[in-house]
Amino acid sequence: MNSFPFTLTELLAAANVAMASIMVILAFSLLGYTFHLQLPVAGRAMYAILLTCVMATYSSDVALNRVLDVASTEAWLRFQWLGIAMVPAGYYLFSWPCCAPPTTACRCGAGLRPRSCCSPW
């Protein structure tokens, strides 16, 4: 007779859902804080794109825990793969303002501004 009521698989599945929930809460909080700053710099906008992709991936992982039918599971898995596929693009866009040398400048609008405020295009 087993004295412990849960198996290791059930404990790991519960830990996975808990960690994914924490990631969704943190990503949503950081996204809200980024939008609170009104996105005046390109780095913040690219960071918001990255956070949105991460939030889409982990929120679908949390939702898959409660799905009962196959059609809903397929829709959530497609949403999750959309987030997974867009994370590298979000990292790439976020790397432009982060990796720009602080001494260089580019033309943005009316005058010279630091390169971190310019879009990569």
C-alpha atoms as a PDB file:
ATOM      1  CA  MET A   1       0.000   0.000   0.000  1.00  0.00           C
ATOM      2  CA  ASN A   2       1.291   3.409  -1.000  1.00  0.00           C
ATOM      3  CA  SER A   3       1.449   5.868   1.900  1.00  0.00           C
ATOM      4  CA  PHE A   4       1.870   8.899  -0.371  1.00  0.00           C
ATOM      5  CA  PRO A   5      -1.369   9.898  -2.160  1.00  0.00           C
ATOM      6  CA  PHE A   6       0.280  11.359  -5.300  1.00  0.00           C
ATOM      7  CA  THR A   7       2.575   9.824  -7.865  1.00  0.00           C
ATOM      8  CA  LEU A   8       5.717  11.515  -9.090  1.00  0.00           C
ATOM      9  CA  THR A   9       4.067  12.177 -12.454  1.00  0.00           C
ATOM     10  CA  GLU A  10       1.153  13.993 -10.831  1.00  0.00           C
ATOM     11  CA  LEU A  11       3.511  16.101  -8.718  1.00  0.00           C
ATOM     12  CA  LEU A  12       5.613  17.065 -11.739  1.00  0.00           C
ATOM     13  CA  ALA A  13       2.496  17.950 -13.752  1.00  0.00           C
ATOM     14  CA  ALA A  14       1.253  20.166 -10.908  1.00  0.00           C
ATOM     15  CA  ALA A  15       4.677  21.815 -10.621  1.00  0.00           C
ATOM     16  CA  ASN A  16       4.670  22.437 -14.390  1.00  0.00           C
ATOM     17  CA  VAL A  17       1.289  24.195 -14.220  1.00  0.00           C
ATOM     18  CA  ALA A  18       2.403  26.223 -11.204  1.00  0.00           C
ATOM     19  CA  MET A  19       5.613  27.369 -12.914  1.00  0.00           C
ATOM     20  CA  ALA A  20       3.758  28.213 -16.127  1.00  0.00           C
ATOM     21  CA  SER A  21       1.206  30.211 -14.128  1.00  0.00           C
ATOM     22  CA  ILE A  22       3.998  32.139 -12.446  1.00  0.00           C
ATOM     23  CA  MET A  23       5.543  32.898 -15.854  1.00  0.00           C
ATOM     24  CA  VAL A  24       2.209  34.186 -17.188  1.00  0.00           C
ATOM     25  CA  ILE A  25       1.693  36.398 -14.140  1.00  0.00           C
ATOM     26  CA  LEU A  26       5.217  37.824 -14.350  1.00  0.00           C
ATOM     27  CA  ALA A  27       5.056  38.394 -18.111  1.00  0.00           C
ATOM     28  CA  PHE A  28       1.678  40.102 -17.829  1.00  0.00           C
ATOM     29  CA  SER A  29       2.920  42.290 -14.983  1.00  0.00           C
ATOM     30  CA  LEU A  30       6.033  43.322 -16.893  1.00  0.00           C
ATOM     31  CA  LEU A  31       3.957  43.935 -20.009  1.00  0.00           C
ATOM     32  CA  GLY A  32       1.594  46.157 -18.048  1.00  0.00           C
ATOM     33  CA  TYR A  33       4.534  48.055 -16.584  1.00  0.00           C
ATOM     34  CA  THR A  34       6.045  48.469 -20.058  1.00  0.00           C
ATOM     35  CA  PHE A  35       2.770  49.852 -21.406  1.00  0.00           C
ATOM     36  CA  HIS A  36       2.547  52.122 -18.372  1.00  0.00           C
ATOM     37  CA  LEU A  37       5.782  53.741 -19.572  1.00  0.00           C
ATOM     38  CA  GLN A  38       3.983  54.552 -22.874  1.00  0.00           C
ATOM     39  CA  LEU A  39       6.595  52.864 -25.083  1.00  0.00           C
ATOM     40  CA  PRO A  40       8.518  56.016 -26.142  1.00  0.00           C
ATOM     41  CA  VAL A  41      11.687  54.050 -26.881  1.00  0.00           C
ATOM     42  CA  ALA A  42      11.991  51.268 -29.462  1.00  0.00           C
ATOM     43  CA  GLY A  43      13.592  48.986 -26.882  1.00  0.00           C
ATOM     44  CA  ARG A  44      10.450  49.047 -24.757  1.00  0.00           C
ATOM     45  CA  ALA A  45       8.227  48.278 -27.730  1.00  0.00           C
ATOM     46  CA  MET A  46      10.416  45.345 -28.752  1.00  0.00           C
ATOM     47  CA  TYR A  47      10.460  44.121 -25.149  1.00  0.00           C
ATOM     48  CA  ALA A  48       6.655  44.235 -25.169  1.00  0.00           C
ATOM     49  CA  ILE A  49       6.618  42.054 -28.299  1.00  0.00           C
ATOM     50  CA  LEU A  50       8.916  39.550 -26.624  1.00  0.00           C
ATOM     51  CA  LEU A  51       6.788  39.477 -23.466  1.00  0.00           C
ATOM     52  CA  THR A  52       3.631  38.967 -25.511  1.00  0.00           C
ATOM     53  CA  CYS A  53       5.145  35.927 -27.213  1.00  0.00           C
ATOM     54  CA  VAL A  54       6.284  34.456 -23.899  1.00  0.00           C
ATOM     55  CA  MET A  55       2.891  35.130 -22.349  1.00  0.00           C
ATOM     56  CA  ALA A  56       1.094  33.445 -25.271  1.00  0.00           C
ATOM     57  CA  THR A  57       3.274  30.356 -24.937  1.00  0.00           C
ATOM     58  CA  TYR A  58       2.856  29.884 -21.213  1.00  0.00           C
ATOM     59  CA  SER A  59      -0.800  30.910 -21.002  1.00  0.00           C
ATOM     60  CA  SER A  60      -1.724  28.251 -23.519  1.00  0.00           C
ATOM     61  CA  ASP A  61       0.291  25.749 -21.494  1.00  0.00           C
ATOM     62  CA  VAL A  62      -1.792  26.632 -18.434  1.00  0.00           C
ATOM     63  CA  ALA A  63      -5.051  26.472 -20.408  1.00  0.00           C
ATOM     64  CA  LEU A  64      -4.197  23.051 -21.817  1.00  0.00           C
ATOM     65  CA  ASN A  65      -4.398  21.657 -18.299  1.00  0.00           C
ATOM     66  CA  ARG A  66      -8.179  22.230 -18.240  1.00  0.00           C
ATOM     67  CA  VAL A  67      -9.144  21.408 -21.836  1.00  0.00           C
ATOM     68  CA  LEU A  68     -11.409  18.404 -22.327  1.00  0.00           C
ATOM     69  CA  ASP A  69     -12.118  18.070 -26.062  1.00  0.00           C
ATOM     70  CA  VAL A  70      -9.779  17.544 -28.990  1.00  0.00           C
ATOM     71  CA  ALA A  71     -10.824  20.630 -30.998  1.00  0.00           C
ATOM     72  CA  SER A  72     -10.014  22.981 -28.123  1.00  0.00           C
ATOM     73  CA  THR A  73      -6.738  21.192 -27.493  1.00  0.00           C
ATOM     74  CA  GLU A  74      -5.736  21.661 -31.116  1.00  0.00           C
ATOM     75  CA  ALA A  75      -6.606  25.364 -31.009  1.00  0.00           C
ATOM     76  CA  TRP A  76      -4.601  25.931 -27.820  1.00  0.00           C
ATOM     77  CA  LEU A  77      -1.637  23.994 -29.194  1.00  0.00           C
ATOM     78  CA  ARG A  78      -1.677  26.097 -32.366  1.00  0.00           C
ATOM     79  CA  PHE A  79      -1.750  29.250 -30.219  1.00  0.00           C
ATOM     80  CA  GLN A  80       1.154  27.911 -28.170  1.00  0.00           C
ATOM     81  CA  TRP A  81       3.210  27.140 -31.261  1.00  0.00           C
ATOM     82  CA  LEU A  82       2.511  30.609 -32.598  1.00  0.00           C
ATOM     83  CA  GLY A  83       4.057  32.038 -29.426  1.00  0.00           C
ATOM     84  CA  ILE A  84       6.972  29.600 -29.588  1.00  0.00           C
ATOM     85  CA  ALA A  85       7.635  30.462 -33.230  1.00  0.00           C
ATOM     86  CA  MET A  86       7.584  34.207 -32.574  1.00  0.00           C
ATOM     87  CA  VAL A  87       9.923  34.221 -29.544  1.00  0.00           C
ATOM     88  CA  PRO A  88      13.120  34.156 -31.679  1.00  0.00           C
ATOM     89  CA  ALA A  89      11.779  37.054 -33.760  1.00  0.00           C
ATOM     90  CA  GLY A  90      11.001  38.942 -30.556  1.00  0.00           C
ATOM     91  CA  TYR A  91      14.522  38.307 -29.281  1.00  0.00           C
ATOM     92  CA  TYR A  92      15.958  39.512 -32.569  1.00  0.00           C
ATOM     93  CA  LEU A  93      13.916  42.712 -32.503  1.00  0.00           C
ATOM     94  CA  PHE A  94      14.797  43.275 -28.842  1.00  0.00           C
ATOM     95  CA  SER A  95      18.503  42.797 -29.571  1.00  0.00           C
ATOM     96  CA  TRP A  96      18.615  45.756 -31.970  1.00  0.00           C
ATOM     97  CA  PRO A  97      18.179  48.480 -29.348  1.00  0.00           C
ATOM     98  CA  CYS A  98      20.067  46.522 -26.688  1.00  0.00           C
ATOM     99  CA  CYS A  99      23.178  45.853 -28.747  1.00  0.00           C
ATOM    100  CA  ALA A 100      23.451  49.297 -30.275  1.00  0.00           C
ATOM    101  CA  PRO A 101      26.660  51.085 -29.290  1.00  0.00           C
ATOM    102  CA  PRO A 102      25.848  53.975 -26.950  1.00  0.00           C
ATOM    103  CA  THR A 103      28.043  56.440 -28.855  1.00  0.00           C
ATOM    104  CA  THR A 104      26.461  56.002 -32.273  1.00  0.00           C
ATOM    105  CA  ALA A 105      23.518  58.077 -33.382  1.00  0.00           C
ATOM    106  CA  CYS A 106      21.064  57.849 -36.232  1.00  0.00           C
ATOM    107  CA  ARG A 107      18.555  60.160 -37.839  1.00  0.00           C
ATOM    108  CA  CYS A 108      15.113  59.783 -36.297  1.00  0.00           C
ATOM    109  CA  GLY A 109      12.589  62.368 -37.294  1.00  0.00           C
ATOM    110  CA  ALA A 110      13.836  65.914 -36.877  1.00  0.00           C
ATOM    111  CA  GLY A 111      17.256  65.436 -35.344  1.00  0.00           C
ATOM    112  CA  LEU A 112      19.973  63.191 -34.035  1.00  0.00           C
ATOM    113  CA  ARG A 113      18.939  60.845 -31.273  1.00  0.00           C
ATOM    114  CA  PRO A 114      20.650  57.880 -29.646  1.00  0.00           C
ATOM    115  CA  ARG A 115      20.408  54.758 -31.753  1.00  0.00           C
ATOM    116  CA  SER A 116      18.420  52.948 -29.080  1.00  0.00           C
ATOM    117  CA  CYS A 117      15.409  55.137 -29.877  1.00  0.00           C
ATOM    118  CA  CYS A 118      15.427  54.275 -33.569  1.00  0.00           C
ATOM    119  CA  SER A 119      13.691  51.371 -35.128  1.00  0.00           C
ATOM    120  CA  PRO A 120      15.915  48.725 -36.741  1.00  0.00           C
ATOM    121  CA  TRP A 121      14.411  49.451 -40.156  1.00  0.00           C
END
